[in-house]
Amino acid sequence: MLTCPLCQAPLTRLDNAVRCAAGHSFDRARQGYLNLLPVQHKNSRDPGDNQAMVEARRDFLDAGHYAPVAQRLAQLAAERAPARWLDIGCGEGYYTAQLGQALPTADGYALDISREAVKRACRRAPALTWMVASMARVPLADASCQFIASVFSPLDWAEAKRLLSVGGGLMRVGPTQGHLMELREALYDEVRPYADDKHLALVPQGMQHQHSEVLEFRLQLAEPKARADLLAMTPHGWRASAERRSRVIEQRAPFEVTISMRYDYFVRQA
């Protein structure tokens, strides 16, 4: 199932490592994850989200603000009952852990390019296989997954198709154009519209768009920390001016925002 990121040969599990027939070996970190991101596949010394972003997202999600988003993803995954699944771009593991609970008998894998994220994620569900790895070079065998989740994550569509067995599917979860509209209006003089279906043009041949739905609800952020965490885990934390960010964080009244998520499911055809 696991493959070597250097030569793509199968990896054999050892006591505290994995190794391929060519002798490439990768140790398991004390936290429980496998680092399958060779230095030559990195674009920087520590790619992906940094510690501050990871901890802000962890605190915000653990407070339950996006619980309906995770619950719906878990329901959709359970309806499809895969034998093996992957969370690609798992971040700090909030959604992954709920997938694991919804699919207790399935073989679960999760990866992210951020070591800081995976280091924290693997504590949530030690029974899953956690990996630091590239989403463009996933160290899993061809046609090995029946379900892939991609939540707020960049996606290599060709790689996702490679990983899916025939009949298996990819569930993509991402924001609609109305997501966090009130926050964006508070941060910018002009809110630029964007198409929340542009990913449909990237879907490769052989994958069929089978299901689409939108989940929308209102969220009240009463505490300054919750508003600060939300900013820190989004691009708005560095795009918006410090003055506008402070105004949002420090206002006395609860800040109400719209949460609007789109779920799209794509099935691998024969």
Protein backbone atom coordinates (compact mmCIF):
# COMPACT_ATOMS: atom_id res chain seq x y z
CA MET A 1 0.00 0.00 0.00
CA LEU A 2 2.68 2.50 1.03
CA THR A 3 5.23 3.24 -1.69
CA CYS A 4 8.72 4.71 -1.57
CA PRO A 5 8.73 8.44 -2.43
CA LEU A 6 12.13 8.00 -4.11
CA CYS A 7 11.66 4.90 -6.30
CA GLN A 8 7.92 4.08 -5.96
CA ALA A 9 8.64 0.50 -4.84
CA PRO A 10 6.42 -0.95 -2.10
CA LEU A 11 7.40 -0.09 1.46
CA THR A 12 7.60 -2.80 4.10
CA ARG A 13 6.73 -1.89 7.67
CA LEU A 14 9.46 -2.50 10.23
CA ASP A 15 9.37 -1.87 13.99
CA ASN A 16 9.78 1.90 13.85
CA ALA A 17 10.31 2.51 10.15
CA VAL A 18 9.38 1.53 6.62
CA ARG A 19 11.83 0.33 3.94
CA CYS A 20 11.75 -0.56 0.24
CA ALA A 21 13.70 -3.28 -1.57
CA ALA A 22 16.21 -0.70 -2.80
CA GLY A 23 17.15 0.07 0.81
CA HIS A 24 15.48 3.45 1.17
CA SER A 25 14.36 3.68 4.77
CA PHE A 26 12.07 6.16 6.55
CA ASP A 27 11.74 6.36 10.31
CA ARG A 28 8.55 6.81 12.27
CA ALA A 29 8.67 9.94 14.45
CA ARG A 30 8.06 9.58 18.18
CA GLN A 31 4.65 11.25 17.69
CA GLY A 32 3.69 8.37 15.38
CA TYR A 33 3.85 9.79 11.85
CA LEU A 34 6.04 8.76 8.90
CA ASN A 35 8.11 11.44 7.19
CA LEU A 36 7.87 10.48 3.51
CA LEU A 37 8.91 13.88 2.15
CA PRO A 38 12.52 13.66 0.91
CA VAL A 39 14.51 16.86 1.06
CA GLN A 40 14.73 17.00 -2.76
CA HIS A 41 10.91 17.19 -2.93
CA LYS A 42 10.72 20.24 -0.68
CA ASN A 43 10.36 23.77 -2.03
CA SER A 44 11.51 25.26 1.27
CA ARG A 45 13.06 24.16 4.54
CA ASP A 46 9.69 23.77 6.29
CA PRO A 47 6.93 23.73 3.65
CA GLY A 48 3.27 24.13 4.46
CA ASP A 49 1.56 25.86 7.35
CA ASN A 50 3.75 27.08 10.19
CA GLN A 51 3.24 26.44 13.90
CA ALA A 52 1.21 29.61 14.53
CA MET A 53 -1.24 28.87 11.71
CA VAL A 54 -1.61 25.24 12.76
CA GLU A 55 -2.29 26.13 16.40
CA ALA A 56 -4.80 28.84 15.47
CA ARG A 57 -6.71 26.40 13.27
CA ARG A 58 -6.57 23.70 15.95
CA ASP A 59 -7.98 26.04 18.62
CA PHE A 60 -10.71 27.37 16.32
CA LEU A 61 -11.84 23.94 15.13
CA ASP A 62 -11.64 22.35 18.58
CA ALA A 63 -14.03 25.06 19.82
CA GLY A 64 -16.64 23.48 17.51
CA HIS A 65 -17.19 26.42 15.18
CA TYR A 66 -17.01 24.24 12.04
CA ALA A 67 -18.53 21.10 13.60
CA PRO A 68 -21.43 20.94 11.08
CA VAL A 69 -18.88 20.97 8.22
CA ALA A 70 -17.01 17.98 9.64
CA GLN A 71 -20.20 16.12 10.56
CA ARG A 72 -21.58 16.37 7.04
CA LEU A 73 -18.28 15.21 5.53
CA ALA A 74 -18.27 12.20 7.87
CA GLN A 75 -21.87 11.35 6.93
CA LEU A 76 -21.10 11.51 3.22
CA ALA A 77 -18.04 9.30 3.68
CA ALA A 78 -19.96 6.73 5.74
CA GLU A 79 -22.64 6.49 3.03
CA ARG A 80 -19.95 5.37 0.59
CA ALA A 81 -18.39 2.82 2.99
CA PRO A 82 -14.86 2.62 1.53
CA ALA A 83 -12.46 -0.14 2.54
CA ARG A 84 -9.51 2.26 2.34
CA TRP A 85 -9.54 6.05 2.42
CA LEU A 86 -7.18 9.02 2.37
CA ASP A 87 -7.43 12.56 3.70
CA ILE A 88 -5.20 14.51 1.33
CA GLY A 89 -4.03 17.79 2.86
CA CYS A 90 -5.21 16.80 6.34
CA GLY A 91 -3.81 19.80 8.22
CA GLU A 92 -3.96 19.31 11.98
CA GLY A 93 -6.36 16.39 11.63
CA TYR A 94 -9.73 17.74 12.80
CA TYR A 95 -11.67 16.44 9.81
CA THR A 96 -9.52 13.31 9.55
CA ALA A 97 -10.32 12.17 13.07
CA GLN A 98 -14.05 12.45 12.40
CA LEU A 99 -13.65 10.47 9.18
CA GLY A 100 -11.90 7.80 11.21
CA GLN A 101 -14.80 7.66 13.66
CA ALA A 102 -17.32 7.39 10.81
CA LEU A 103 -15.31 4.61 9.12
CA PRO A 104 -14.13 2.48 12.05
CA THR A 105 -13.43 -0.70 10.06
CA ALA A 106 -11.77 0.99 7.08
CA ASP A 107 -8.04 1.46 6.54
CA GLY A 108 -7.38 5.19 6.97
CA TYR A 109 -4.46 7.31 5.73
CA ALA A 110 -3.77 11.04 6.02
CA LEU A 111 -1.05 13.33 4.74
CA ASP A 112 0.03 16.93 4.72
CA ILE A 113 3.18 18.67 3.59
CA SER A 114 3.39 20.57 6.89
CA ARG A 115 5.32 18.67 9.54
CA GLU A 116 3.97 21.01 12.21
CA ALA A 117 0.43 20.08 11.22
CA VAL A 118 0.94 16.31 11.05
CA LYS A 119 2.90 16.28 14.31
CA ARG A 120 -0.26 17.51 16.05
CA ALA A 121 -2.73 15.63 13.87
CA CYS A 122 -1.52 12.13 14.67
CA ARG A 123 -2.43 12.57 18.34
CA ARG A 124 -6.10 12.73 17.39
CA ALA A 125 -6.34 9.21 15.97
CA PRO A 126 -3.21 7.08 16.49
CA ALA A 127 -4.71 4.09 14.66
CA LEU A 128 -4.60 5.93 11.32
CA THR A 129 -1.48 6.09 9.14
CA TRP A 130 -0.21 9.67 9.24
CA MET A 131 2.36 10.95 6.75
CA VAL A 132 4.32 14.08 6.00
CA ALA A 133 4.28 13.90 2.21
CA SER A 134 3.70 15.84 -0.98
CA MET A 135 0.18 15.97 -2.40
CA ALA A 136 1.77 15.88 -5.86
CA ARG A 137 3.71 12.67 -5.05
CA VAL A 138 1.47 10.70 -2.71
CA PRO A 139 3.37 7.63 -1.43
CA LEU A 140 0.48 5.23 -1.97
CA ALA A 141 -0.03 2.63 -4.69
CA ASP A 142 -2.11 3.15 -7.84
CA ALA A 143 -5.85 2.47 -7.45
CA SER A 144 -5.40 1.84 -3.73
CA CYS A 145 -8.13 4.13 -2.34
CA GLN A 146 -11.90 3.95 -2.55
CA PHE A 147 -12.45 7.39 -1.00
CA ILE A 148 -10.35 10.57 -0.89
CA ALA A 149 -11.26 13.66 1.11
CA SER A 150 -9.85 17.06 0.16
CA VAL A 151 -10.96 19.77 2.61
CA PHE A 152 -9.83 23.38 1.98
CA SER A 153 -6.75 21.96 0.33
CA PRO A 154 -4.92 22.41 -2.98
CA LEU A 155 -5.43 19.37 -5.16
CA ASP A 156 -3.45 17.59 -7.85
CA TRP A 157 -6.30 16.10 -9.86
CA ALA A 158 -4.14 13.68 -11.85
CA GLU A 159 -2.63 12.34 -8.66
CA ALA A 160 -6.05 11.92 -7.07
CA LYS A 161 -7.27 9.99 -10.11
CA ARG A 162 -4.20 7.73 -9.96
CA LEU A 163 -4.93 6.84 -6.35
CA LEU A 164 -8.61 5.97 -6.85
CA SER A 165 -9.83 2.52 -7.73
CA VAL A 166 -12.63 2.24 -10.30
CA GLY A 167 -15.87 3.24 -8.59
CA GLY A 168 -14.01 5.10 -5.87
CA GLY A 169 -14.49 8.81 -5.40
CA LEU A 170 -13.04 12.13 -4.31
CA MET A 171 -15.02 14.41 -1.98
CA ARG A 172 -13.86 18.00 -2.36
CA VAL A 173 -14.97 20.49 0.29
CA GLY A 174 -14.35 24.18 -0.27
CA PRO A 175 -15.86 27.62 0.36
CA THR A 176 -18.58 29.15 -1.79
CA GLN A 177 -18.41 32.79 -2.86
CA GLY A 178 -20.58 33.73 0.14
CA HIS A 179 -18.29 32.15 2.74
CA LEU A 180 -17.15 34.62 5.43
CA MET A 181 -18.73 37.45 3.46
CA GLU A 182 -19.23 39.65 6.53
CA LEU A 183 -15.59 39.23 7.52
CA ARG A 184 -14.37 40.08 4.04
CA GLU A 185 -16.61 43.18 3.96
CA ALA A 186 -15.12 44.31 7.27
CA LEU A 187 -11.54 43.79 6.09
CA TYR A 188 -11.56 45.23 2.56
CA ASP A 189 -12.96 48.29 0.82
CA GLU A 190 -13.90 46.09 -2.14
CA VAL A 191 -14.86 42.42 -1.88
CA ARG A 192 -13.85 40.69 -5.06
CA PRO A 193 -16.26 38.00 -6.29
CA TYR A 194 -14.90 34.63 -7.30
CA ALA A 195 -16.34 31.54 -8.97
CA ASP A 196 -16.69 28.68 -6.54
CA ASP A 197 -17.13 26.15 -9.36
CA LYS A 198 -13.92 26.88 -11.26
CA HIS A 199 -12.44 23.59 -10.03
CA LEU A 200 -14.92 21.76 -12.27
CA ALA A 201 -12.89 22.76 -15.31
CA LEU A 202 -9.85 20.96 -13.86
CA VAL A 203 -11.48 17.54 -13.43
CA PRO A 204 -9.65 15.04 -15.68
CA GLN A 205 -11.34 12.71 -18.13
CA GLY A 206 -12.44 9.50 -16.50
CA MET A 207 -13.83 11.19 -13.38
CA GLN A 208 -17.56 11.92 -13.23
CA HIS A 209 -19.15 14.65 -11.13
CA GLN A 210 -21.77 12.63 -9.25
CA HIS A 211 -22.94 14.78 -6.33
CA SER A 212 -22.97 18.43 -5.25
CA GLU A 213 -24.48 20.24 -2.27
CA VAL A 214 -23.99 23.39 -0.20
CA LEU A 215 -24.00 23.58 3.59
CA GLU A 216 -24.65 27.05 5.00
CA PHE A 217 -25.13 28.37 8.52
CA ARG A 218 -24.51 31.48 10.62
CA LEU A 219 -21.77 31.59 13.21
CA GLN A 220 -21.46 34.02 16.11
CA LEU A 221 -17.91 34.65 17.30
CA ALA A 222 -18.30 36.27 20.72
CA GLU A 223 -14.70 35.98 21.91
CA PRO A 224 -11.75 38.00 20.52
CA LYS A 225 -9.60 34.84 20.49
CA ALA A 226 -12.04 33.06 18.17
CA ARG A 227 -11.95 35.99 15.75
CA ALA A 228 -8.14 36.16 15.95
CA ASP A 229 -7.86 32.40 15.31
CA LEU A 230 -10.16 32.61 12.30
CA LEU A 231 -8.05 35.39 10.81
CA ALA A 232 -4.82 33.51 11.51
CA MET A 233 -6.00 30.35 9.76
CA THR A 234 -7.11 32.15 6.58
CA PRO A 235 -5.25 34.25 3.99
CA HIS A 236 -7.03 37.29 5.43
CA GLY A 237 -4.61 37.11 8.36
CA TRP A 238 -1.85 38.49 6.15
CA ARG A 239 -3.74 40.07 3.26
CA ALA A 240 -5.81 42.54 5.28
CA SER A 241 -4.33 45.58 7.01
CA ALA A 242 -3.34 45.34 10.67
CA GLU A 243 -5.80 48.12 11.47
CA ARG A 244 -8.77 46.31 9.92
CA ARG A 245 -7.80 43.02 11.59
CA SER A 246 -7.56 44.69 14.99
CA ARG A 247 -10.94 46.32 14.52
CA VAL A 248 -12.56 42.93 13.89
CA ILE A 249 -10.77 41.21 16.78
CA GLU A 250 -11.35 43.92 19.38
CA GLN A 251 -14.94 44.91 18.71
CA ARG A 252 -17.21 44.45 21.73
CA ALA A 253 -20.25 42.94 20.04
CA PRO A 254 -20.19 39.32 18.81
CA PHE A 255 -19.11 39.08 15.19
CA GLU A 256 -21.57 37.12 13.04
CA VAL A 257 -20.40 35.50 9.83
CA THR A 258 -21.85 33.23 7.17
CA ILE A 259 -20.28 29.79 6.80
CA SER A 260 -20.95 28.40 3.34
CA MET A 261 -19.32 25.20 2.09
CA ARG A 262 -19.64 23.32 -1.16
CA TYR A 263 -19.30 19.52 -1.28
CA ASP A 264 -18.53 17.97 -4.68
CA TYR A 265 -18.07 14.23 -5.25
CA PHE A 266 -16.24 12.84 -8.29
CA VAL A 267 -16.21 9.12 -9.15
CA ARG A 268 -13.44 7.30 -11.02
CA GLN A 269 -14.85 5.60 -14.11
CA ALA A 270 -13.65 2.39 -15.74
